[in-house]
Amino acid sequence: MSSPRLELRAVSKVYANDGQPVEVLHGVSLSVEAGTVTALLGRSGCGKTTLLNLAGAMDFPTSGEVLIDGRSIASLTEPELTHLRRTQVGFVFQFFQLLPTLTVLENVELPLLLAGARDSAKRALDRLRWVGLEDKASVLPYQLSGGQMQRIAIARALVHSPRVLIADEPTGNLDTASGDQVLSLIRDCATRFGAAVLMATHSPEAAAIAGVRVRLRDGRVESVER
C-alpha cells in the first residue's frame, strides 16, 4: 500500500509569546492522498494557517513529523527544502500575492524561472489557458478583478505541476460567482493534475468540494468527516 502524498504525524507547534510558550497545535495527525481535497475547518485562531505552513514545508513542527511522499521534511537539507518548495508544493493565498509590477504571464512564470525550468513562458501560457485567462497575459494585476487574480494565482501555483497544493481561504475575498469558479479549478487541481490539496476555509461551499473535512478546535482535531 502506497504512502499518502502528504502526511502529518502527531505534529505540535509551540511559539514564544513574551517569553512564555504558547502551544498552537497539539498532536495533530492527518493525511491527504494524491488526487483528493481535504478541507480544514474551524474558527479563526484554531491553528489552520499554522498547520498549512507546516504542511507546505514553510515552517517546522516543534514535535511530530511532516512527510511528503513518505519523506520527512526534517531530513532534508536547506537546498533540498528550497527545491521541494519550488517544484513540489504550490500555494494559493486569500490575498492573491501577485507581484504588482509583473505582468500576468510573468507572475505565472516566476516559479519556473526560480527553479531554472525550460520553456517557462510556454508552460505559463498553458496554465493561463487552463484557467481561461490567456488573453490577460500582458496586463498587470491591478487591471484584473478579484476572481481573475485568484485564477491567476491558481495558474501560478500549478505551473510547475506540484504534488501538494496548499490553499488558505482561497474564496475569502470573492463574490459567489467568482468563488464558484475558483472552487471548480481547485477541484480540478486534484482530479486533473493529481495534486493532494489541503485547503483551509470558513466557507461551506468550499468545504463541500472536499472528500475529507477536518475540524480543528483550539489546535486539536475535533472531528474528521468523510
C-alpha atoms as a PDB file:
ATOM      1  CA  MET A   1       0.000   0.000   0.000  1.00  0.00           C
ATOM      2  CA  SER A   2       1.476   3.362  -1.044  1.00  0.00           C
ATOM      3  CA  SER A   3       2.086   6.200   1.395  1.00  0.00           C
ATOM      4  CA  PRO A   4      -0.192   9.259   1.403  1.00  0.00           C
ATOM      5  CA  ARG A   5       1.096  12.115  -0.712  1.00  0.00           C
ATOM      6  CA  LEU A   6       1.034  14.381   2.377  1.00  0.00           C
ATOM      7  CA  GLU A   7       1.076  13.182   5.968  1.00  0.00           C
ATOM      8  CA  LEU A   8       1.267  14.930   9.339  1.00  0.00           C
ATOM      9  CA  ARG A   9       2.050  12.676  12.279  1.00  0.00           C
ATOM     10  CA  ALA A  10       1.231  13.986  15.763  1.00  0.00           C
ATOM     11  CA  VAL A  11       2.514  17.487  14.965  1.00  0.00           C
ATOM     12  CA  SER A  12       2.641  20.124  17.673  1.00  0.00           C
ATOM     13  CA  LYS A  13       3.785  23.721  17.336  1.00  0.00           C
ATOM     14  CA  VAL A  14       4.912  25.962  20.179  1.00  0.00           C
ATOM     15  CA  TYR A  15       5.688  29.665  19.802  1.00  0.00           C
ATOM     16  CA  ALA A  16       7.196  32.022  22.347  1.00  0.00           C
ATOM     17  CA  ASN A  17       4.965  34.948  23.362  1.00  0.00           C
ATOM     18  CA  ASP A  18       6.666  37.456  25.673  1.00  0.00           C
ATOM     19  CA  GLY A  19       8.964  34.664  26.749  1.00  0.00           C
ATOM     20  CA  GLN A  20       6.101  32.306  27.508  1.00  0.00           C
ATOM     21  CA  PRO A  21       5.452  29.164  25.426  1.00  0.00           C
ATOM     22  CA  VAL A  22       2.142  29.072  23.565  1.00  0.00           C
ATOM     23  CA  GLU A  23       1.162  25.743  22.003  1.00  0.00           C
ATOM     24  CA  VAL A  24      -0.784  26.463  18.816  1.00  0.00           C
ATOM     25  CA  LEU A  25      -1.139  22.858  17.632  1.00  0.00           C
ATOM     26  CA  HIS A  26      -1.454  19.796  19.855  1.00  0.00           C
ATOM     27  CA  GLY A  27      -0.578  16.421  18.342  1.00  0.00           C
ATOM     28  CA  VAL A  28      -2.453  16.838  15.062  1.00  0.00           C
ATOM     29  CA  SER A  29      -2.401  13.917  12.623  1.00  0.00           C
ATOM     30  CA  LEU A  30      -3.892  13.824   9.135  1.00  0.00           C
ATOM     31  CA  SER A  31      -3.093  12.533   5.671  1.00  0.00           C
ATOM     32  CA  VAL A  32      -4.009  13.661   2.156  1.00  0.00           C
ATOM     33  CA  GLU A  33      -3.969  11.250  -0.765  1.00  0.00           C
ATOM     34  CA  ALA A  34      -2.973  12.209  -4.294  1.00  0.00           C
ATOM     35  CA  GLY A  35      -5.941  13.448  -6.317  1.00  0.00           C
ATOM     36  CA  THR A  36      -8.048  14.406  -3.296  1.00  0.00           C
ATOM     37  CA  VAL A  37      -9.123  17.581  -1.479  1.00  0.00           C
ATOM     38  CA  THR A  38      -9.063  17.867   2.324  1.00  0.00           C
ATOM     39  CA  ALA A  39     -10.661  20.903   3.988  1.00  0.00           C
ATOM     40  CA  LEU A  40      -9.516  22.364   7.312  1.00  0.00           C
ATOM     41  CA  LEU A  41     -12.394  23.958   9.207  1.00  0.00           C
ATOM     42  CA  GLY A  42     -12.600  25.892  12.454  1.00  0.00           C
ATOM     43  CA  ARG A  43     -12.747  29.342  13.982  1.00  0.00           C
ATOM     44  CA  SER A  44     -10.045  31.940  13.412  1.00  0.00           C
ATOM     45  CA  GLY A  45      -7.123  31.226  15.704  1.00  0.00           C
ATOM     46  CA  CYS A  46      -7.734  27.475  15.858  1.00  0.00           C
ATOM     47  CA  GLY A  47      -4.430  26.702  14.104  1.00  0.00           C
ATOM     48  CA  LYS A  48      -5.436  26.286  10.446  1.00  0.00           C
ATOM     49  CA  THR A  49      -2.816  28.620   8.954  1.00  0.00           C
ATOM     50  CA  THR A  50      -0.076  27.237  11.196  1.00  0.00           C
ATOM     51  CA  LEU A  51      -0.978  23.752  10.020  1.00  0.00           C
ATOM     52  CA  LEU A  52      -0.855  24.850   6.376  1.00  0.00           C
ATOM     53  CA  ASN A  53       2.597  26.353   6.880  1.00  0.00           C
ATOM     54  CA  LEU A  54       3.830  23.066   8.327  1.00  0.00           C
ATOM     55  CA  ALA A  55       2.214  21.035   5.537  1.00  0.00           C
ATOM     56  CA  GLY A  56       3.821  23.241   2.884  1.00  0.00           C
ATOM     57  CA  ALA A  57       7.306  22.990   4.441  1.00  0.00           C
ATOM     58  CA  MET A  58       7.306  26.721   5.191  1.00  0.00           C
ATOM     59  CA  ASP A  59       7.726  26.012   8.922  1.00  0.00           C
ATOM     60  CA  PHE A  60       8.633  23.027  11.067  1.00  0.00           C
ATOM     61  CA  PRO A  61       6.750  21.365  13.918  1.00  0.00           C
ATOM     62  CA  THR A  62       8.088  21.556  17.445  1.00  0.00           C
ATOM     63  CA  SER A  63       7.371  17.839  17.664  1.00  0.00           C
ATOM     64  CA  GLY A  64       5.963  15.255  15.295  1.00  0.00           C
ATOM     65  CA  GLU A  65       6.654  14.765  11.600  1.00  0.00           C
ATOM     66  CA  VAL A  66       5.548  16.174   8.256  1.00  0.00           C
ATOM     67  CA  LEU A  67       6.091  13.824   5.310  1.00  0.00           C
ATOM     68  CA  ILE A  68       5.700  14.461   1.592  1.00  0.00           C
ATOM     69  CA  ASP A  69       5.721  11.295  -0.494  1.00  0.00           C
ATOM     70  CA  GLY A  70       6.838   9.383   2.576  1.00  0.00           C
ATOM     71  CA  ARG A  71       9.898  11.537   3.261  1.00  0.00           C
ATOM     72  CA  SER A  72      10.152  13.672   6.381  1.00  0.00           C
ATOM     73  CA  ILE A  73      10.853  17.327   5.603  1.00  0.00           C
ATOM     74  CA  ALA A  74      13.065  17.431   8.716  1.00  0.00           C
ATOM     75  CA  SER A  75      15.502  15.086   6.949  1.00  0.00           C
ATOM     76  CA  LEU A  76      16.048  17.488   4.045  1.00  0.00           C
ATOM     77  CA  THR A  77      18.994  19.840   3.664  1.00  0.00           C
ATOM     78  CA  GLU A  78      18.324  23.538   3.039  1.00  0.00           C
ATOM     79  CA  PRO A  79      18.953  23.189  -0.737  1.00  0.00           C
ATOM     80  CA  GLU A  80      16.633  20.165  -0.809  1.00  0.00           C
ATOM     81  CA  LEU A  81      13.951  22.126   1.048  1.00  0.00           C
ATOM     82  CA  THR A  82      14.259  25.020  -1.398  1.00  0.00           C
ATOM     83  CA  HIS A  83      13.937  22.587  -4.296  1.00  0.00           C
ATOM     84  CA  LEU A  84      10.905  20.954  -2.668  1.00  0.00           C
ATOM     85  CA  ARG A  85       9.113  24.276  -2.179  1.00  0.00           C
ATOM     86  CA  ARG A  86       9.847  25.387  -5.735  1.00  0.00           C
ATOM     87  CA  THR A  87       8.970  22.163  -7.531  1.00  0.00           C
ATOM     88  CA  GLN A  88       6.679  20.016  -5.372  1.00  0.00           C
ATOM     89  CA  VAL A  89       4.447  22.433  -3.435  1.00  0.00           C
ATOM     90  CA  GLY A  90       2.055  25.100  -4.715  1.00  0.00           C
ATOM     91  CA  PHE A  91       0.411  27.847  -2.630  1.00  0.00           C
ATOM     92  CA  VAL A  92      -2.840  29.768  -3.102  1.00  0.00           C
ATOM     93  CA  PHE A  93      -3.470  32.627  -0.670  1.00  0.00           C
ATOM     94  CA  GLN A  94      -6.552  34.611   0.306  1.00  0.00           C
ATOM     95  CA  PHE A  95      -4.984  37.888  -0.859  1.00  0.00           C
ATOM     96  CA  PHE A  96      -3.571  36.511  -4.136  1.00  0.00           C
ATOM     97  CA  GLN A  97       0.069  37.621  -3.536  1.00  0.00           C
ATOM     98  CA  LEU A  98       0.634  38.611  -7.155  1.00  0.00           C
ATOM     99  CA  LEU A  99       3.616  40.880  -7.776  1.00  0.00           C
ATOM    100  CA  PRO A 100       2.148  44.227  -8.921  1.00  0.00           C
ATOM    101  CA  THR A 101       4.997  45.224 -11.270  1.00  0.00           C
ATOM    102  CA  LEU A 102       4.966  41.940 -13.218  1.00  0.00           C
ATOM    103  CA  THR A 103       2.513  41.079 -15.968  1.00  0.00           C
ATOM    104  CA  VAL A 104       0.097  38.203 -15.532  1.00  0.00           C
ATOM    105  CA  LEU A 105       2.319  35.933 -17.632  1.00  0.00           C
ATOM    106  CA  GLU A 106       5.421  36.922 -15.669  1.00  0.00           C
ATOM    107  CA  ASN A 107       3.649  36.228 -12.370  1.00  0.00           C
ATOM    108  CA  VAL A 108       2.660  32.742 -13.503  1.00  0.00           C
ATOM    109  CA  GLU A 109       6.088  32.076 -14.986  1.00  0.00           C
ATOM    110  CA  LEU A 110       8.001  33.135 -11.864  1.00  0.00           C
ATOM    111  CA  PRO A 111       8.108  29.749 -10.035  1.00  0.00           C
ATOM    112  CA  LEU A 112       9.546  28.135 -13.167  1.00  0.00           C
ATOM    113  CA  LEU A 113      12.193  30.830 -13.518  1.00  0.00           C
ATOM    114  CA  LEU A 114      13.205  30.408  -9.873  1.00  0.00           C
ATOM    115  CA  ALA A 115      13.509  26.646 -10.411  1.00  0.00           C
ATOM    116  CA  GLY A 116      15.569  27.102 -13.590  1.00  0.00           C
ATOM    117  CA  ALA A 117      12.980  25.282 -15.716  1.00  0.00           C
ATOM    118  CA  ARG A 118      12.977  25.267 -19.500  1.00  0.00           C
ATOM    119  CA  ASP A 119      10.165  26.547 -21.725  1.00  0.00           C
ATOM    120  CA  SER A 120       8.847  28.605 -18.815  1.00  0.00           C
ATOM    121  CA  ALA A 121       6.826  31.078 -20.906  1.00  0.00           C
ATOM    122  CA  LYS A 122       5.129  28.288 -22.884  1.00  0.00           C
ATOM    123  CA  ARG A 123       4.235  26.356 -19.749  1.00  0.00           C
ATOM    124  CA  ALA A 124       2.938  29.509 -18.049  1.00  0.00           C
ATOM    125  CA  LEU A 125       0.769  30.269 -21.086  1.00  0.00           C
ATOM    126  CA  ASP A 126      -0.610  26.712 -20.975  1.00  0.00           C
ATOM    127  CA  ARG A 127      -1.729  27.249 -17.369  1.00  0.00           C
ATOM    128  CA  LEU A 128      -3.269  30.611 -18.230  1.00  0.00           C
ATOM    129  CA  ARG A 129      -5.203  28.882 -20.995  1.00  0.00           C
ATOM    130  CA  TRP A 130      -6.419  26.303 -18.461  1.00  0.00           C
ATOM    131  CA  VAL A 131      -7.835  28.982 -16.138  1.00  0.00           C
ATOM    132  CA  GLY A 132      -9.378  30.799 -19.109  1.00  0.00           C
ATOM    133  CA  LEU A 133      -7.232  33.933 -18.917  1.00  0.00           C
ATOM    134  CA  GLU A 134      -4.760  33.548 -21.759  1.00  0.00           C
ATOM    135  CA  ASP A 135      -5.987  36.868 -23.139  1.00  0.00           C
ATOM    136  CA  LYS A 136      -4.810  38.641 -19.940  1.00  0.00           C
ATOM    137  CA  ALA A 137      -1.160  37.533 -20.286  1.00  0.00           C
ATOM    138  CA  SER A 138       0.235  41.020 -20.899  1.00  0.00           C
ATOM    139  CA  VAL A 139      -1.802  43.017 -18.365  1.00  0.00           C
ATOM    140  CA  LEU A 140      -0.826  43.971 -14.819  1.00  0.00           C
ATOM    141  CA  PRO A 141      -2.629  42.578 -11.753  1.00  0.00           C
ATOM    142  CA  TYR A 142      -4.355  45.875 -10.885  1.00  0.00           C
ATOM    143  CA  GLN A 143      -6.282  45.612 -14.152  1.00  0.00           C
ATOM    144  CA  LEU A 144      -7.953  42.363 -13.036  1.00  0.00           C
ATOM    145  CA  SER A 145     -10.975  41.601 -10.891  1.00  0.00           C
ATOM    146  CA  GLY A 146     -10.550  39.706  -7.624  1.00  0.00           C
ATOM    147  CA  GLY A 147     -11.805  36.492  -9.190  1.00  0.00           C
ATOM    148  CA  GLN A 148      -9.410  36.857 -12.102  1.00  0.00           C
ATOM    149  CA  MET A 149      -6.490  37.497  -9.742  1.00  0.00           C
ATOM    150  CA  GLN A 150      -7.276  34.336  -7.803  1.00  0.00           C
ATOM    151  CA  ARG A 151      -7.473  32.320 -11.019  1.00  0.00           C
ATOM    152  CA  ILE A 152      -4.053  33.731 -11.961  1.00  0.00           C
ATOM    153  CA  ALA A 153      -2.784  32.733  -8.513  1.00  0.00           C
ATOM    154  CA  ILE A 154      -4.021  29.183  -9.122  1.00  0.00           C
ATOM    155  CA  ALA A 155      -2.324  29.098 -12.523  1.00  0.00           C
ATOM    156  CA  ARG A 156       0.919  30.182 -10.820  1.00  0.00           C
ATOM    157  CA  ALA A 157       0.507  27.583  -8.077  1.00  0.00           C
ATOM    158  CA  LEU A 158       0.004  24.822 -10.662  1.00  0.00           C
ATOM    159  CA  VAL A 159       2.546  25.946 -13.262  1.00  0.00           C
ATOM    160  CA  HIS A 160       5.201  23.508 -12.005  1.00  0.00           C
ATOM    161  CA  SER A 161       2.698  20.633 -11.563  1.00  0.00           C
ATOM    162  CA  PRO A 162       3.198  20.372  -7.770  1.00  0.00           C
ATOM    163  CA  ARG A 163       2.417  17.198  -5.908  1.00  0.00           C
ATOM    164  CA  VAL A 164       0.903  19.148  -2.984  1.00  0.00           C
ATOM    165  CA  LEU A 165      -1.332  22.236  -3.223  1.00  0.00           C
ATOM    166  CA  ILE A 166      -1.876  24.392  -0.124  1.00  0.00           C
ATOM    167  CA  ALA A 167      -4.821  26.825  -0.237  1.00  0.00           C
ATOM    168  CA  ASP A 168      -5.538  29.323   2.548  1.00  0.00           C
ATOM    169  CA  GLU A 169      -9.095  30.745   2.376  1.00  0.00           C
ATOM    170  CA  PRO A 170      -8.960  30.827  -1.454  1.00  0.00           C
ATOM    171  CA  THR A 171     -12.502  32.233  -1.792  1.00  0.00           C
ATOM    172  CA  GLY A 172     -12.412  34.527   1.244  1.00  0.00           C
ATOM    173  CA  ASN A 173     -12.363  37.771  -0.768  1.00  0.00           C
ATOM    174  CA  LEU A 174     -14.517  36.718  -3.706  1.00  0.00           C
ATOM    175  CA  ASP A 175     -18.172  37.042  -4.647  1.00  0.00           C
ATOM    176  CA  THR A 176     -20.231  33.889  -5.076  1.00  0.00           C
ATOM    177  CA  ALA A 177     -19.778  33.537  -8.841  1.00  0.00           C
ATOM    178  CA  SER A 178     -16.018  34.093  -8.701  1.00  0.00           C
ATOM    179  CA  GLY A 179     -15.737  31.788  -5.701  1.00  0.00           C
ATOM    180  CA  ASP A 180     -17.535  29.030  -7.579  1.00  0.00           C
ATOM    181  CA  GLN A 181     -15.097  29.373 -10.488  1.00  0.00           C
ATOM    182  CA  VAL A 182     -12.113  29.172  -8.156  1.00  0.00           C
ATOM    183  CA  LEU A 183     -13.511  26.121  -6.336  1.00  0.00           C
ATOM    184  CA  SER A 184     -14.050  24.359  -9.649  1.00  0.00           C
ATOM    185  CA  LEU A 185     -10.404  24.993 -10.524  1.00  0.00           C
ATOM    186  CA  ILE A 186      -9.203  23.758  -7.144  1.00  0.00           C
ATOM    187  CA  ARG A 187     -11.196  20.572  -7.548  1.00  0.00           C
ATOM    188  CA  ASP A 188      -9.596  20.185 -10.993  1.00  0.00           C
ATOM    189  CA  CYS A 189      -6.162  20.586  -9.395  1.00  0.00           C
ATOM    190  CA  ALA A 190      -6.804  17.278  -7.665  1.00  0.00           C
ATOM    191  CA  THR A 191      -8.703  15.382 -10.355  1.00  0.00           C
ATOM    192  CA  ARG A 192      -6.808  16.616 -13.426  1.00  0.00           C
ATOM    193  CA  PHE A 193      -3.314  17.181 -12.072  1.00  0.00           C
ATOM    194  CA  GLY A 194      -3.351  14.613  -9.261  1.00  0.00           C
ATOM    195  CA  ALA A 195      -2.346  17.074  -6.551  1.00  0.00           C
ATOM    196  CA  ALA A 196      -3.004  16.407  -2.876  1.00  0.00           C
ATOM    197  CA  VAL A 197      -4.969  19.535  -1.932  1.00  0.00           C
ATOM    198  CA  LEU A 198      -5.132  20.836   1.648  1.00  0.00           C
ATOM    199  CA  MET A 199      -7.428  23.846   1.963  1.00  0.00           C
ATOM    200  CA  ALA A 200      -8.312  25.992   4.974  1.00  0.00           C
ATOM    201  CA  THR A 201     -11.717  27.624   4.699  1.00  0.00           C
ATOM    202  CA  HIS A 202     -14.653  29.146   6.562  1.00  0.00           C
ATOM    203  CA  SER A 203     -16.903  28.640   3.554  1.00  0.00           C
ATOM    204  CA  PRO A 204     -19.474  25.818   3.500  1.00  0.00           C
ATOM    205  CA  GLU A 205     -19.371  25.937  -0.317  1.00  0.00           C
ATOM    206  CA  ALA A 206     -15.604  25.446  -0.297  1.00  0.00           C
ATOM    207  CA  ALA A 207     -15.808  22.653   2.271  1.00  0.00           C
ATOM    208  CA  ALA A 208     -18.387  20.889   0.111  1.00  0.00           C
ATOM    209  CA  ILE A 209     -15.829  20.127  -2.641  1.00  0.00           C
ATOM    210  CA  ALA A 210     -13.612  18.249  -0.169  1.00  0.00           C
ATOM    211  CA  GLY A 211     -13.708  14.493   0.221  1.00  0.00           C
ATOM    212  CA  VAL A 212     -12.451  14.849   3.803  1.00  0.00           C
ATOM    213  CA  ARG A 213     -13.301  17.648   6.258  1.00  0.00           C
ATOM    214  CA  VAL A 214     -11.115  18.063   9.336  1.00  0.00           C
ATOM    215  CA  ARG A 215     -12.432  20.373  12.039  1.00  0.00           C
ATOM    216  CA  LEU A 216      -9.900  21.982  14.353  1.00  0.00           C
ATOM    217  CA  ARG A 217     -10.687  23.427  17.765  1.00  0.00           C
ATOM    218  CA  ASP A 218      -8.036  25.131  19.898  1.00  0.00           C
ATOM    219  CA  GLY A 219      -5.232  23.475  17.970  1.00  0.00           C
ATOM    220  CA  ARG A 220      -6.636  19.935  18.159  1.00  0.00           C
ATOM    221  CA  VAL A 221      -8.571  17.768  15.736  1.00  0.00           C
ATOM    222  CA  GLU A 222     -12.169  17.870  16.923  1.00  0.00           C
ATOM    223  CA  SER A 223     -13.677  15.719  14.180  1.00  0.00           C
ATOM    224  CA  VAL A 224     -12.999  14.138  10.792  1.00  0.00           C
ATOM    225  CA  GLU A 225     -15.856  13.766   8.295  1.00  0.00           C
ATOM    226  CA  ARG A 226     -15.573  11.701   5.117  1.00  0.00           C
END
